[in-house]
Amino acid sequence: MSTNKVWNLIYVLGNTDRVMSDADNPQARASALDGAATIDKNGWRVWVEHHRTSERIFESEREKLHRVAVTE
């Protein structure tokens, strides 16, 4: 049986470096993206990735900036 619940919603709380996974993971694409949009509005780092491959389909601007800063 195939399922479309393969996306993990992951975020960082406020100014901490504590990485959190949503309790509903893995979830459907639309649900994960909606949750990411809500978290992004709060100004937190957030991304949505495939639960097996870790391919990211969404990253907030704050997360993109953080990844660049860490790799420099």
PDB file of N, CA and C in Angstrom:
ATOM      1  N   MET A   1       0.849  -1.179   0.000  1.00  0.00           N
ATOM      2  CA  MET A   1       0.000   0.000   0.000  1.00  0.00           C
ATOM      3  C   MET A   1       0.893   1.240   0.000  1.00  0.00           C
ATOM      4  N   SER A   2       0.616   2.141  -0.906  1.00  0.00           N
ATOM      5  CA  SER A   2       1.400   3.366  -1.039  1.00  0.00           C
ATOM      6  C   SER A   2       0.739   4.505  -0.264  1.00  0.00           C
ATOM      7  N   THR A   3       1.562   5.381   0.235  1.00  0.00           N
ATOM      8  CA  THR A   3       1.037   6.540   0.957  1.00  0.00           C
ATOM      9  C   THR A   3       1.746   7.794   0.472  1.00  0.00           C
ATOM     10  N   ASN A   4       1.053   8.910   0.532  1.00  0.00           N
ATOM     11  CA  ASN A   4       1.671  10.174   0.123  1.00  0.00           C
ATOM     12  C   ASN A   4       2.180  10.962   1.328  1.00  0.00           C
ATOM     13  N   LYS A   5       2.153  10.364   2.480  1.00  0.00           N
ATOM     14  CA  LYS A   5       2.655  11.033   3.685  1.00  0.00           C
ATOM     15  C   LYS A   5       4.141  10.724   3.834  1.00  0.00           C
ATOM     16  N   VAL A   6       4.953  11.501   3.109  1.00  0.00           N
ATOM     17  CA  VAL A   6       6.395  11.252   3.079  1.00  0.00           C
ATOM     18  C   VAL A   6       7.212  12.490   3.428  1.00  0.00           C
ATOM     19  N   TRP A   7       6.554  13.574   3.861  1.00  0.00           N
ATOM     20  CA  TRP A   7       7.251  14.843   4.082  1.00  0.00           C
ATOM     21  C   TRP A   7       7.337  15.172   5.561  1.00  0.00           C
ATOM     22  N   ASN A   8       8.534  15.562   5.991  1.00  0.00           N
ATOM     23  CA  ASN A   8       8.763  15.974   7.375  1.00  0.00           C
ATOM     24  C   ASN A   8       8.851  17.491   7.458  1.00  0.00           C
ATOM     25  N   LEU A   9       8.127  18.053   8.391  1.00  0.00           N
ATOM     26  CA  LEU A   9       8.165  19.482   8.693  1.00  0.00           C
ATOM     27  C   LEU A   9       9.134  19.670   9.857  1.00  0.00           C
ATOM     28  N   ILE A  10      10.196  20.435   9.620  1.00  0.00           N
ATOM     29  CA  ILE A  10      11.252  20.614  10.614  1.00  0.00           C
ATOM     30  C   ILE A  10      11.496  22.103  10.808  1.00  0.00           C
ATOM     31  N   TYR A  11      11.702  22.513  12.059  1.00  0.00           N
ATOM     32  CA  TYR A  11      11.876  23.934  12.341  1.00  0.00           C
ATOM     33  C   TYR A  11      12.802  24.133  13.531  1.00  0.00           C
ATOM     34  N   VAL A  12      13.265  25.372  13.695  1.00  0.00           N
ATOM     35  CA  VAL A  12      14.130  25.740  14.814  1.00  0.00           C
ATOM     36  C   VAL A  12      13.383  26.766  15.649  1.00  0.00           C
ATOM     37  N   LEU A  13      13.266  26.511  16.939  1.00  0.00           N
ATOM     38  CA  LEU A  13      12.505  27.376  17.835  1.00  0.00           C
ATOM     39  C   LEU A  13      13.211  28.698  18.093  1.00  0.00           C
ATOM     40  N   GLY A  14      12.583  29.788  17.711  1.00  0.00           N
ATOM     41  CA  GLY A  14      13.080  31.122  18.029  1.00  0.00           C
ATOM     42  C   GLY A  14      14.552  31.328  17.766  1.00  0.00           C
ATOM     43  N   ASN A  15      15.267  31.816  18.778  1.00  0.00           N
ATOM     44  CA  ASN A  15      16.693  32.111  18.658  1.00  0.00           C
ATOM     45  C   ASN A  15      17.579  30.953  19.103  1.00  0.00           C
ATOM     46  N   THR A  16      16.984  29.828  19.406  1.00  0.00           N
ATOM     47  CA  THR A  16      17.767  28.678  19.854  1.00  0.00           C
ATOM     48  C   THR A  16      18.283  27.907  18.644  1.00  0.00           C
ATOM     49  N   ASP A  17      19.114  26.940  18.883  1.00  0.00           N
ATOM     50  CA  ASP A  17      19.561  26.039  17.820  1.00  0.00           C
ATOM     51  C   ASP A  17      18.882  24.681  17.952  1.00  0.00           C
ATOM     52  N   ARG A  18      17.797  24.647  18.694  1.00  0.00           N
ATOM     53  CA  ARG A  18      17.086  23.393  18.934  1.00  0.00           C
ATOM     54  C   ARG A  18      16.204  23.042  17.734  1.00  0.00           C
ATOM     55  N   VAL A  19      16.546  21.978  17.045  1.00  0.00           N
ATOM     56  CA  VAL A  19      15.801  21.541  15.864  1.00  0.00           C
ATOM     57  C   VAL A  19      14.647  20.655  16.317  1.00  0.00           C
ATOM     58  N   MET A  20      13.448  20.978  15.830  1.00  0.00           N
ATOM     59  CA  MET A  20      12.238  20.254  16.211  1.00  0.00           C
ATOM     60  C   MET A  20      11.589  19.644  14.976  1.00  0.00           C
ATOM     61  N   SER A  21      10.978  18.495  15.148  1.00  0.00           N
ATOM     62  CA  SER A  21      10.181  17.876  14.097  1.00  0.00           C
ATOM     63  C   SER A  21       8.724  17.934  14.511  1.00  0.00           C
ATOM     64  N   ASP A  22       7.862  18.205  13.561  1.00  0.00           N
ATOM     65  CA  ASP A  22       6.436  18.273  13.845  1.00  0.00           C
ATOM     66  C   ASP A  22       5.928  16.909  14.310  1.00  0.00           C
ATOM     67  N   ALA A  23       5.013  16.905  15.248  1.00  0.00           N
ATOM     68  CA  ALA A  23       4.487  15.662  15.808  1.00  0.00           C
ATOM     69  C   ALA A  23       3.731  14.827  14.780  1.00  0.00           C
ATOM     70  N   ASP A  24       3.231  15.455  13.718  1.00  0.00           N
ATOM     71  CA  ASP A  24       2.462  14.736  12.700  1.00  0.00           C
ATOM     72  C   ASP A  24       3.328  14.148  11.586  1.00  0.00           C
ATOM     73  N   ASN A  25       4.647  14.254  11.678  1.00  0.00           N
ATOM     74  CA  ASN A  25       5.539  13.714  10.635  1.00  0.00           C
ATOM     75  C   ASN A  25       5.473  12.198  10.597  1.00  0.00           C
ATOM     76  N   PRO A  26       5.630  11.607   9.397  1.00  0.00           N
ATOM     77  CA  PRO A  26       5.594  12.244   8.088  1.00  0.00           C
ATOM     78  C   PRO A  26       4.161  12.618   7.727  1.00  0.00           C
ATOM     79  N   GLN A  27       4.024  13.606   6.863  1.00  0.00           N
ATOM     80  CA  GLN A  27       2.703  14.098   6.500  1.00  0.00           C
ATOM     81  C   GLN A  27       2.602  14.363   5.004  1.00  0.00           C
ATOM     82  N   ALA A  28       1.394  14.642   4.557  1.00  0.00           N
ATOM     83  CA  ALA A  28       1.162  14.932   3.145  1.00  0.00           C
ATOM     84  C   ALA A  28       1.846  16.243   2.772  1.00  0.00           C
ATOM     85  N   ARG A  29       2.195  16.373   1.506  1.00  0.00           N
ATOM     86  CA  ARG A  29       2.915  17.547   1.005  1.00  0.00           C
ATOM     87  C   ARG A  29       2.190  18.847   1.341  1.00  0.00           C
ATOM     88  N   ALA A  30       0.898  18.924   1.039  1.00  0.00           N
ATOM     89  CA  ALA A  30       0.131  20.156   1.268  1.00  0.00           C
ATOM     90  C   ALA A  30       0.112  20.525   2.747  1.00  0.00           C
ATOM     91  N   SER A  31      -0.062  19.543   3.594  1.00  0.00           N
ATOM     92  CA  SER A  31      -0.095  19.789   5.037  1.00  0.00           C
ATOM     93  C   SER A  31       1.252  20.301   5.539  1.00  0.00           C
ATOM     94  N   ALA A  32       2.328  19.684   5.081  1.00  0.00           N
ATOM     95  CA  ALA A  32       3.669  20.101   5.498  1.00  0.00           C
ATOM     96  C   ALA A  32       3.976  21.513   5.017  1.00  0.00           C
ATOM     97  N   LEU A  33       3.612  21.829   3.784  1.00  0.00           N
ATOM     98  CA  LEU A  33       3.877  23.165   3.243  1.00  0.00           C
ATOM     99  C   LEU A  33       3.029  24.228   3.934  1.00  0.00           C
ATOM    100  N   ASP A  34       1.784  23.900   4.263  1.00  0.00           N
ATOM    101  CA  ASP A  34       0.935  24.842   5.004  1.00  0.00           C
ATOM    102  C   ASP A  34       1.524  25.121   6.386  1.00  0.00           C
ATOM    103  N   GLY A  35       1.967  24.081   7.053  1.00  0.00           N
ATOM    104  CA  GLY A  35       2.592  24.253   8.362  1.00  0.00           C
ATOM    105  C   GLY A  35       3.860  25.082   8.282  1.00  0.00           C
ATOM    106  N   ALA A  36       4.646  24.850   7.242  1.00  0.00           N
ATOM    107  CA  ALA A  36       5.884  25.611   7.057  1.00  0.00           C
ATOM    108  C   ALA A  36       5.585  27.085   6.830  1.00  0.00           C
ATOM    109  N   ALA A  37       4.541  27.384   6.073  1.00  0.00           N
ATOM    110  CA  ALA A  37       4.170  28.781   5.822  1.00  0.00           C
ATOM    111  C   ALA A  37       3.789  29.478   7.122  1.00  0.00           C
ATOM    112  N   THR A  38       3.068  28.787   7.983  1.00  0.00           N
ATOM    113  CA  THR A  38       2.676  29.358   9.270  1.00  0.00           C
ATOM    114  C   THR A  38       3.898  29.619  10.150  1.00  0.00           C
ATOM    115  N   ILE A  39       4.793  28.666  10.220  1.00  0.00           N
ATOM    116  CA  ILE A  39       6.002  28.821  11.032  1.00  0.00           C
ATOM    117  C   ILE A  39       6.885  29.925  10.469  1.00  0.00           C
ATOM    118  N   ASP A  40       6.977  30.005   9.147  1.00  0.00           N
ATOM    119  CA  ASP A  40       7.778  31.042   8.486  1.00  0.00           C
ATOM    120  C   ASP A  40       7.265  32.439   8.835  1.00  0.00           C
ATOM    121  N   LYS A  41       5.957  32.595   8.959  1.00  0.00           N
ATOM    122  CA  LYS A  41       5.375  33.898   9.330  1.00  0.00           C
ATOM    123  C   LYS A  41       5.842  34.344  10.715  1.00  0.00           C
ATOM    124  N   ASN A  42       6.179  33.389  11.570  1.00  0.00           N
ATOM    125  CA  ASN A  42       6.692  33.707  12.908  1.00  0.00           C
ATOM    126  C   ASN A  42       8.156  34.113  12.877  1.00  0.00           C
ATOM    127  N   GLY A  43       8.788  34.003  11.710  1.00  0.00           N
ATOM    128  CA  GLY A  43      10.186  34.388  11.576  1.00  0.00           C
ATOM    129  C   GLY A  43      11.173  33.307  11.982  1.00  0.00           C
ATOM    130  N   TRP A  44      10.699  32.082  12.134  1.00  0.00           N
ATOM    131  CA  TRP A  44      11.566  30.982  12.525  1.00  0.00           C
ATOM    132  C   TRP A  44      12.151  30.305  11.298  1.00  0.00           C
ATOM    133  N   ARG A  45      13.271  29.621  11.488  1.00  0.00           N
ATOM    134  CA  ARG A  45      13.837  28.793  10.429  1.00  0.00           C
ATOM    135  C   ARG A  45      12.974  27.548  10.289  1.00  0.00           C
ATOM    136  N   VAL A  46      12.630  27.208   9.040  1.00  0.00           N
ATOM    137  CA  VAL A  46      11.769  26.050   8.799  1.00  0.00           C
ATOM    138  C   VAL A  46      12.088  25.458   7.437  1.00  0.00           C
ATOM    139  N   TRP A  47      11.926  24.151   7.319  1.00  0.00           N
ATOM    140  CA  TRP A  47      12.069  23.491   6.027  1.00  0.00           C
ATOM    141  C   TRP A  47      11.215  22.236   6.005  1.00  0.00           C
ATOM    142  N   VAL A  48      10.943  21.765   4.776  1.00  0.00           N
ATOM    143  CA  VAL A  48      10.183  20.534   4.561  1.00  0.00           C
ATOM    144  C   VAL A  48      11.077  19.608   3.751  1.00  0.00           C
ATOM    145  N   GLU A  49      11.260  18.391   4.258  1.00  0.00           N
ATOM    146  CA  GLU A  49      12.124  17.444   3.558  1.00  0.00           C
ATOM    147  C   GLU A  49      11.495  16.060   3.500  1.00  0.00           C
ATOM    148  N   HIS A  50      11.908  15.292   2.484  1.00  0.00           N
ATOM    149  CA  HIS A  50      11.436  13.919   2.310  1.00  0.00           C
ATOM    150  C   HIS A  50      11.970  13.070   3.459  1.00  0.00           C
ATOM    151  N   HIS A  51      11.132  12.218   3.998  1.00  0.00           N
ATOM    152  CA  HIS A  51      11.524  11.471   5.205  1.00  0.00           C
ATOM    153  C   HIS A  51      12.607  10.432   4.944  1.00  0.00           C
ATOM    154  N   ARG A  52      12.794   9.997   3.711  1.00  0.00           N
ATOM    155  CA  ARG A  52      13.850   9.014   3.425  1.00  0.00           C
ATOM    156  C   ARG A  52      15.072   9.633   2.761  1.00  0.00           C
ATOM    157  N   THR A  53      14.853  10.494   1.769  1.00  0.00           N
ATOM    158  CA  THR A  53      15.975  11.025   0.987  1.00  0.00           C
ATOM    159  C   THR A  53      16.532  12.328   1.541  1.00  0.00           C
ATOM    160  N   SER A  54      15.789  12.982   2.411  1.00  0.00           N
ATOM    161  CA  SER A  54      16.139  14.300   2.970  1.00  0.00           C
ATOM    162  C   SER A  54      16.152  15.406   1.918  1.00  0.00           C
ATOM    163  N   GLU A  55      15.575  15.139   0.749  1.00  0.00           N
ATOM    164  CA  GLU A  55      15.429  16.176  -0.285  1.00  0.00           C
ATOM    165  C   GLU A  55      14.506  17.264   0.250  1.00  0.00           C
ATOM    166  N   ARG A  56      14.951  18.511   0.166  1.00  0.00           N
ATOM    167  CA  ARG A  56      14.152  19.630   0.667  1.00  0.00           C
ATOM    168  C   ARG A  56      13.312  20.226  -0.458  1.00  0.00           C
ATOM    169  N   ILE A  57      12.016  20.414  -0.169  1.00  0.00           N
ATOM    170  CA  ILE A  57      11.140  21.044  -1.158  1.00  0.00           C
ATOM    171  C   ILE A  57      10.761  22.459  -0.736  1.00  0.00           C
ATOM    172  N   PHE A  58      11.110  22.839   0.480  1.00  0.00           N
ATOM    173  CA  PHE A  58      10.860  24.194   0.959  1.00  0.00           C
ATOM    174  C   PHE A  58      11.892  24.538   2.018  1.00  0.00           C
ATOM    175  N   GLU A  59      12.394  25.783   1.954  1.00  0.00           N
ATOM    176  CA  GLU A  59      13.252  26.343   2.996  1.00  0.00           C
ATOM    177  C   GLU A  59      12.869  27.800   3.171  1.00  0.00           C
ATOM    178  N   SER A  60      12.709  28.228   4.409  1.00  0.00           N
ATOM    179  CA  SER A  60      12.441  29.639   4.666  1.00  0.00           C
ATOM    180  C   SER A  60      13.692  30.448   4.340  1.00  0.00           C
ATOM    181  N   GLU A  61      13.512  31.734   4.125  1.00  0.00           N
ATOM    182  CA  GLU A  61      14.656  32.605   3.837  1.00  0.00           C
ATOM    183  C   GLU A  61      15.661  32.581   4.983  1.00  0.00           C
ATOM    184  N   ARG A  62      15.160  32.554   6.213  1.00  0.00           N
ATOM    185  CA  ARG A  62      16.065  32.496   7.377  1.00  0.00           C
ATOM    186  C   ARG A  62      16.896  31.222   7.370  1.00  0.00           C
ATOM    187  N   GLU A  63      16.293  30.119   6.967  1.00  0.00           N
ATOM    188  CA  GLU A  63      17.040  28.857   6.901  1.00  0.00           C
ATOM    189  C   GLU A  63      18.091  28.924   5.797  1.00  0.00           C
ATOM    190  N   LYS A  64      17.736  29.486   4.653  1.00  0.00           N
ATOM    191  CA  LYS A  64      18.703  29.621   3.555  1.00  0.00           C
ATOM    192  C   LYS A  64      19.892  30.469   3.989  1.00  0.00           C
ATOM    193  N   LEU A  65      19.625  31.586   4.666  1.00  0.00           N
ATOM    194  CA  LEU A  65      20.704  32.452   5.144  1.00  0.00           C
ATOM    195  C   LEU A  65      21.574  31.737   6.175  1.00  0.00           C
ATOM    196  N   HIS A  66      20.937  30.979   7.052  1.00  0.00           N
ATOM    197  CA  HIS A  66      21.678  30.235   8.072  1.00  0.00           C
ATOM    198  C   HIS A  66      22.602  29.198   7.431  1.00  0.00           C
ATOM    199  N   ARG A  67      22.108  28.474   6.444  1.00  0.00           N
ATOM    200  CA  ARG A  67      22.927  27.449   5.781  1.00  0.00           C
ATOM    201  C   ARG A  67      24.132  28.073   5.090  1.00  0.00           C
ATOM    202  N   VAL A  68      23.942  29.244   4.488  1.00  0.00           N
ATOM    203  CA  VAL A  68      25.058  29.938   3.838  1.00  0.00           C
ATOM    204  C   VAL A  68      26.078  30.375   4.883  1.00  0.00           C
ATOM    205  N   ALA A  69      25.591  30.931   5.992  1.00  0.00           N
ATOM    206  CA  ALA A  69      26.485  31.415   7.049  1.00  0.00           C
ATOM    207  C   ALA A  69      27.297  30.275   7.664  1.00  0.00           C
ATOM    208  N   VAL A  70      26.699  29.123   7.813  1.00  0.00           N
ATOM    209  CA  VAL A  70      27.375  27.980   8.423  1.00  0.00           C
ATOM    210  C   VAL A  70      28.452  27.420   7.491  1.00  0.00           C
ATOM    211  N   THR A  71      28.217  27.469   6.197  1.00  0.00           N
ATOM    212  CA  THR A  71      29.177  26.893   5.248  1.00  0.00           C
ATOM    213  C   THR A  71      30.315  27.841   4.902  1.00  0.00           C
ATOM    214  N   GLU A  72      30.219  29.093   5.297  1.00  0.00           N
ATOM    215  CA  GLU A  72      31.291  30.054   5.001  1.00  0.00           C
ATOM    216  C   GLU A  72      32.389  30.001   6.026  1.00  0.00           C
TER     217      GLU A  72
END
